[in-house]
Amino acid sequence: MRLTKSSRKSVFCTLMLMIFNSCDNPQDLTMNGCADPLALNYNVLADEECSTGCQYSNVVFFGHKDDSLTYPITIKLGEMPEENLTSEVGIVPQVCLTEGVSGLLSFQLTSSDELQWLALSAQDSLLFSGTLSPNPIQSCIQINIAKNGRN
C-alpha cells in the first residue's frame, strides 16, 4: 500500500498528537502524580486521567497491655479480608505506634474510600466499630480498640 503525500502528513500529525498528549510527556508537568486529595502523595498539578501511584495511610489497630482485652480479636476493615489481632505485637510501619501495646495489626489502605471497621471478640460479638478514611496529613491512623477511639 502506497501512501500519498497528504496521507503521510495525516499519519505524521496523528502520531505527533498521540505522543504529545500522552500522560508520560516529560515536558508537561501537570500530567504526573496522584490527583486524589486524600492521598499522602497528592499533587495539585496532577491530571485526573494520568493519576498513578497514589499512596494512602496505614491503619493500625492496637490494645494496651493494661487493658482487659481477650485475644484474639477479629478486625474487619471494609472489603479487606478479616485479620486476627493477637496478643503478640506485629510488624508495623516506623511512623506508627510501637511501644506499650499488647497487640497490633496494620492495614495499608489502597483507595480514598471511607471504610467501616469492626472489632469482634473470639465469640464473634461486636466489641467496637467505626468508620475511617485516609488522611493526607496522617501516614498512620492509630485506633485503640480498647478505648474505641483514635489516638
C-alpha atoms as a PDB file:
ATOM      1  CA  MET A   1       0.000   0.000   0.000  1.00  0.00           C
ATOM      2  CA  ARG A   2       1.416   3.303  -1.055  1.00  0.00           C
ATOM      3  CA  LEU A   3       0.596   6.469   0.891  1.00  0.00           C
ATOM      4  CA  THR A   4       0.099   9.763  -0.827  1.00  0.00           C
ATOM      5  CA  LYS A   5       1.887  12.867   0.409  1.00  0.00           C
ATOM      6  CA  SER A   6      -1.271  14.148   2.154  1.00  0.00           C
ATOM      7  CA  SER A   7      -1.861  10.725   3.767  1.00  0.00           C
ATOM      8  CA  ARG A   8       1.688  10.696   5.127  1.00  0.00           C
ATOM      9  CA  LYS A   9       1.148  14.169   6.603  1.00  0.00           C
ATOM     10  CA  SER A  10      -2.077  12.982   8.271  1.00  0.00           C
ATOM     11  CA  VAL A  11      -0.381   9.924   9.739  1.00  0.00           C
ATOM     12  CA  PHE A  12       2.547  12.031  10.964  1.00  0.00           C
ATOM     13  CA  CYS A  13       0.231  14.617  12.578  1.00  0.00           C
ATOM     14  CA  THR A  14      -1.819  11.898  14.262  1.00  0.00           C
ATOM     15  CA  LEU A  15       1.309  10.257  15.692  1.00  0.00           C
ATOM     16  CA  MET A  16       2.626  13.600  16.964  1.00  0.00           C
ATOM     17  CA  LEU A  17      -0.693  14.353  18.677  1.00  0.00           C
ATOM     18  CA  MET A  18      -0.636  10.959  20.366  1.00  0.00           C
ATOM     19  CA  ILE A  19       2.921  11.467  21.598  1.00  0.00           C
ATOM     20  CA  PHE A  20       2.467  14.999  22.924  1.00  0.00           C
ATOM     21  CA  ASN A  21      -0.884  14.309  24.562  1.00  0.00           C
ATOM     22  CA  SER A  22       0.253  11.222  26.446  1.00  0.00           C
ATOM     23  CA  CYS A  23       0.498  11.078  30.248  1.00  0.00           C
ATOM     24  CA  ASP A  24       4.206  10.313  30.025  1.00  0.00           C
ATOM     25  CA  ASN A  25       5.137  13.524  28.279  1.00  0.00           C
ATOM     26  CA  PRO A  26       8.083  14.842  30.346  1.00  0.00           C
ATOM     27  CA  GLN A  27       7.515  18.376  29.024  1.00  0.00           C
ATOM     28  CA  ASP A  28       4.081  18.632  30.673  1.00  0.00           C
ATOM     29  CA  LEU A  29       4.444  18.686  34.474  1.00  0.00           C
ATOM     30  CA  THR A  30       0.682  18.839  35.047  1.00  0.00           C
ATOM     31  CA  MET A  31       0.278  15.241  33.881  1.00  0.00           C
ATOM     32  CA  ASN A  32       2.278  13.303  36.504  1.00  0.00           C
ATOM     33  CA  GLY A  33       1.430  12.292  40.062  1.00  0.00           C
ATOM     34  CA  CYS A  34      -1.573  11.457  42.176  1.00  0.00           C
ATOM     35  CA  ALA A  35      -4.745  13.544  41.709  1.00  0.00           C
ATOM     36  CA  ASP A  36      -6.526  12.213  44.825  1.00  0.00           C
ATOM     37  CA  PRO A  37      -6.556  14.885  47.583  1.00  0.00           C
ATOM     38  CA  LEU A  38      -6.865  12.170  50.278  1.00  0.00           C
ATOM     39  CA  ALA A  39      -3.586  10.529  49.242  1.00  0.00           C
ATOM     40  CA  LEU A  40      -0.321  11.123  51.092  1.00  0.00           C
ATOM     41  CA  ASN A  41       1.416  11.983  47.802  1.00  0.00           C
ATOM     42  CA  TYR A  42      -1.314  14.267  46.389  1.00  0.00           C
ATOM     43  CA  ASN A  43      -0.127  16.580  43.612  1.00  0.00           C
ATOM     44  CA  VAL A  44      -2.424  19.512  42.874  1.00  0.00           C
ATOM     45  CA  LEU A  45      -0.961  19.686  39.338  1.00  0.00           C
ATOM     46  CA  ALA A  46      -1.689  16.039  38.524  1.00  0.00           C
ATOM     47  CA  ASP A  47      -4.136  15.280  35.746  1.00  0.00           C
ATOM     48  CA  GLU A  48      -7.078  13.025  36.778  1.00  0.00           C
ATOM     49  CA  GLU A  49      -6.697  10.850  33.680  1.00  0.00           C
ATOM     50  CA  CYS A  50      -2.980  10.321  34.272  1.00  0.00           C
ATOM     51  CA  SER A  51      -3.129   9.860  38.041  1.00  0.00           C
ATOM     52  CA  THR A  52      -0.945   6.955  39.130  1.00  0.00           C
ATOM     53  CA  GLY A  53       0.821   5.669  42.185  1.00  0.00           C
ATOM     54  CA  CYS A  54      -1.428   7.146  44.862  1.00  0.00           C
ATOM     55  CA  GLN A  55      -0.259   6.203  48.370  1.00  0.00           C
ATOM     56  CA  TYR A  56      -2.692   6.115  51.273  1.00  0.00           C
ATOM     57  CA  SER A  57      -2.481   5.975  55.067  1.00  0.00           C
ATOM     58  CA  ASN A  58      -1.736   2.871  57.078  1.00  0.00           C
ATOM     59  CA  VAL A  59      -4.289   1.972  59.730  1.00  0.00           C
ATOM     60  CA  VAL A  60      -3.070   0.352  62.939  1.00  0.00           C
ATOM     61  CA  PHE A  61      -5.417  -1.281  65.429  1.00  0.00           C
ATOM     62  CA  PHE A  62      -3.958  -1.903  68.873  1.00  0.00           C
ATOM     63  CA  GLY A  63      -4.709  -2.612  72.518  1.00  0.00           C
ATOM     64  CA  HIS A  64      -2.694  -1.588  75.574  1.00  0.00           C
ATOM     65  CA  LYS A  65      -1.022  -4.033  77.948  1.00  0.00           C
ATOM     66  CA  ASP A  66      -3.122  -2.808  80.867  1.00  0.00           C
ATOM     67  CA  ASP A  67      -6.463  -3.290  79.068  1.00  0.00           C
ATOM     68  CA  SER A  68      -8.555  -6.328  79.857  1.00  0.00           C
ATOM     69  CA  LEU A  69      -8.910  -7.481  76.256  1.00  0.00           C
ATOM     70  CA  THR A  70      -9.289 -11.159  75.470  1.00  0.00           C
ATOM     71  CA  TYR A  71      -7.393 -12.124  72.330  1.00  0.00           C
ATOM     72  CA  PRO A  72      -7.682 -12.969  69.505  1.00  0.00           C
ATOM     73  CA  ILE A  73      -9.854 -10.109  68.249  1.00  0.00           C
ATOM     74  CA  THR A  74     -11.010 -10.189  64.635  1.00  0.00           C
ATOM     75  CA  ILE A  75     -10.659  -6.934  62.729  1.00  0.00           C
ATOM     76  CA  LYS A  76     -12.756  -6.445  59.612  1.00  0.00           C
ATOM     77  CA  LEU A  77     -11.843  -3.356  57.581  1.00  0.00           C
ATOM     78  CA  GLY A  78     -14.149  -2.628  54.643  1.00  0.00           C
ATOM     79  CA  GLU A  79     -13.866  -5.265  51.928  1.00  0.00           C
ATOM     80  CA  MET A  80     -10.380  -6.365  53.019  1.00  0.00           C
ATOM     81  CA  PRO A  81     -10.003  -9.910  54.347  1.00  0.00           C
ATOM     82  CA  GLU A  82     -10.546 -10.357  58.082  1.00  0.00           C
ATOM     83  CA  GLU A  83      -7.395 -10.457  60.196  1.00  0.00           C
ATOM     84  CA  ASN A  84      -6.829 -11.504  63.779  1.00  0.00           C
ATOM     85  CA  LEU A  85      -5.338  -9.139  66.290  1.00  0.00           C
ATOM     86  CA  THR A  86      -3.458 -11.330  68.741  1.00  0.00           C
ATOM     87  CA  SER A  87      -1.593 -10.550  71.936  1.00  0.00           C
ATOM     88  CA  GLU A  88       1.686 -10.512  70.006  1.00  0.00           C
ATOM     89  CA  VAL A  89       2.930  -7.255  68.540  1.00  0.00           C
ATOM     90  CA  GLY A  90       3.071  -7.409  64.744  1.00  0.00           C
ATOM     91  CA  ILE A  91       5.166  -5.625  62.158  1.00  0.00           C
ATOM     92  CA  VAL A  92       4.146  -2.016  61.627  1.00  0.00           C
ATOM     93  CA  PRO A  93       5.454   0.941  59.638  1.00  0.00           C
ATOM     94  CA  GLN A  94       8.036   3.043  61.512  1.00  0.00           C
ATOM     95  CA  VAL A  95       5.727   6.055  61.664  1.00  0.00           C
ATOM     96  CA  CYS A  96       3.203   4.103  63.741  1.00  0.00           C
ATOM     97  CA  LEU A  97       2.972   3.499  67.471  1.00  0.00           C
ATOM     98  CA  THR A  98       5.112   0.580  68.656  1.00  0.00           C
ATOM     99  CA  GLU A  99       5.514   0.938  72.427  1.00  0.00           C
ATOM    100  CA  GLY A 100       3.291  -0.190  75.274  1.00  0.00           C
ATOM    101  CA  VAL A 101       0.874  -2.294  73.280  1.00  0.00           C
ATOM    102  CA  SER A 102      -0.284  -5.841  73.836  1.00  0.00           C
ATOM    103  CA  GLY A 103      -1.475  -6.422  70.288  1.00  0.00           C
ATOM    104  CA  LEU A 104      -1.092  -4.644  66.982  1.00  0.00           C
ATOM    105  CA  LEU A 105      -2.462  -5.138  63.471  1.00  0.00           C
ATOM    106  CA  SER A 106      -1.606  -2.976  60.462  1.00  0.00           C
ATOM    107  CA  PHE A 107      -3.510  -2.462  57.193  1.00  0.00           C
ATOM    108  CA  GLN A 108      -2.340  -0.482  54.144  1.00  0.00           C
ATOM    109  CA  LEU A 109      -5.235   1.451  52.608  1.00  0.00           C
ATOM    110  CA  THR A 110      -5.457   1.258  48.824  1.00  0.00           C
ATOM    111  CA  SER A 111      -8.059   3.902  47.980  1.00  0.00           C
ATOM    112  CA  SER A 112      -9.657   7.044  49.335  1.00  0.00           C
ATOM    113  CA  ASP A 113     -12.954   5.299  50.084  1.00  0.00           C
ATOM    114  CA  GLU A 114     -14.433   5.646  53.565  1.00  0.00           C
ATOM    115  CA  LEU A 115     -14.299   2.251  55.295  1.00  0.00           C
ATOM    116  CA  GLN A 116     -16.363   0.689  58.055  1.00  0.00           C
ATOM    117  CA  TRP A 117     -14.312  -1.244  60.617  1.00  0.00           C
ATOM    118  CA  LEU A 118     -15.433  -3.821  63.157  1.00  0.00           C
ATOM    119  CA  ALA A 119     -13.635  -5.384  66.110  1.00  0.00           C
ATOM    120  CA  LEU A 120     -15.151  -8.773  67.020  1.00  0.00           C
ATOM    121  CA  SER A 121     -14.442 -10.943  70.059  1.00  0.00           C
ATOM    122  CA  ALA A 122     -13.377 -14.590  69.823  1.00  0.00           C
ATOM    123  CA  GLN A 123     -17.112 -15.438  70.140  1.00  0.00           C
ATOM    124  CA  ASP A 124     -17.923 -13.066  67.208  1.00  0.00           C
ATOM    125  CA  SER A 125     -19.536 -10.459  69.475  1.00  0.00           C
ATOM    126  CA  LEU A 126     -19.157  -6.877  68.353  1.00  0.00           C
ATOM    127  CA  LEU A 127     -16.664  -5.098  70.622  1.00  0.00           C
ATOM    128  CA  PHE A 128     -16.258  -1.801  68.765  1.00  0.00           C
ATOM    129  CA  SER A 129     -16.916  -0.303  65.347  1.00  0.00           C
ATOM    130  CA  GLY A 130     -16.321   2.901  63.460  1.00  0.00           C
ATOM    131  CA  THR A 131     -15.589   4.470  60.092  1.00  0.00           C
ATOM    132  CA  LEU A 132     -12.393   5.924  58.744  1.00  0.00           C
ATOM    133  CA  SER A 133     -10.913   7.325  55.580  1.00  0.00           C
ATOM    134  CA  PRO A 134      -7.357   8.059  54.539  1.00  0.00           C
ATOM    135  CA  ASN A 135      -5.915  11.305  55.762  1.00  0.00           C
ATOM    136  CA  PRO A 136      -3.402  13.217  53.622  1.00  0.00           C
ATOM    137  CA  ILE A 137      -1.680  14.502  56.762  1.00  0.00           C
ATOM    138  CA  GLN A 138      -1.528  11.235  58.765  1.00  0.00           C
ATOM    139  CA  SER A 139       0.549   8.470  57.252  1.00  0.00           C
ATOM    140  CA  CYS A 140      -0.533   6.258  60.147  1.00  0.00           C
ATOM    141  CA  ILE A 141      -4.058   6.264  61.570  1.00  0.00           C
ATOM    142  CA  GLN A 142      -3.996   4.666  65.015  1.00  0.00           C
ATOM    143  CA  ILE A 143      -7.103   3.119  66.554  1.00  0.00           C
ATOM    144  CA  ASN A 144      -7.047   1.949  70.163  1.00  0.00           C
ATOM    145  CA  ILE A 145      -9.743  -0.745  70.125  1.00  0.00           C
ATOM    146  CA  ALA A 146      -9.880  -0.893  73.923  1.00  0.00           C
ATOM    147  CA  LYS A 147     -10.905   2.760  74.107  1.00  0.00           C
ATOM    148  CA  ASN A 148     -12.822   2.699  70.783  1.00  0.00           C
ATOM    149  CA  GLY A 149     -11.125   5.853  69.620  1.00  0.00           C
ATOM    150  CA  ARG A 150      -8.208   7.263  67.683  1.00  0.00           C
ATOM    151  CA  ASN A 151      -5.004   8.400  69.278  1.00  0.00           C
END
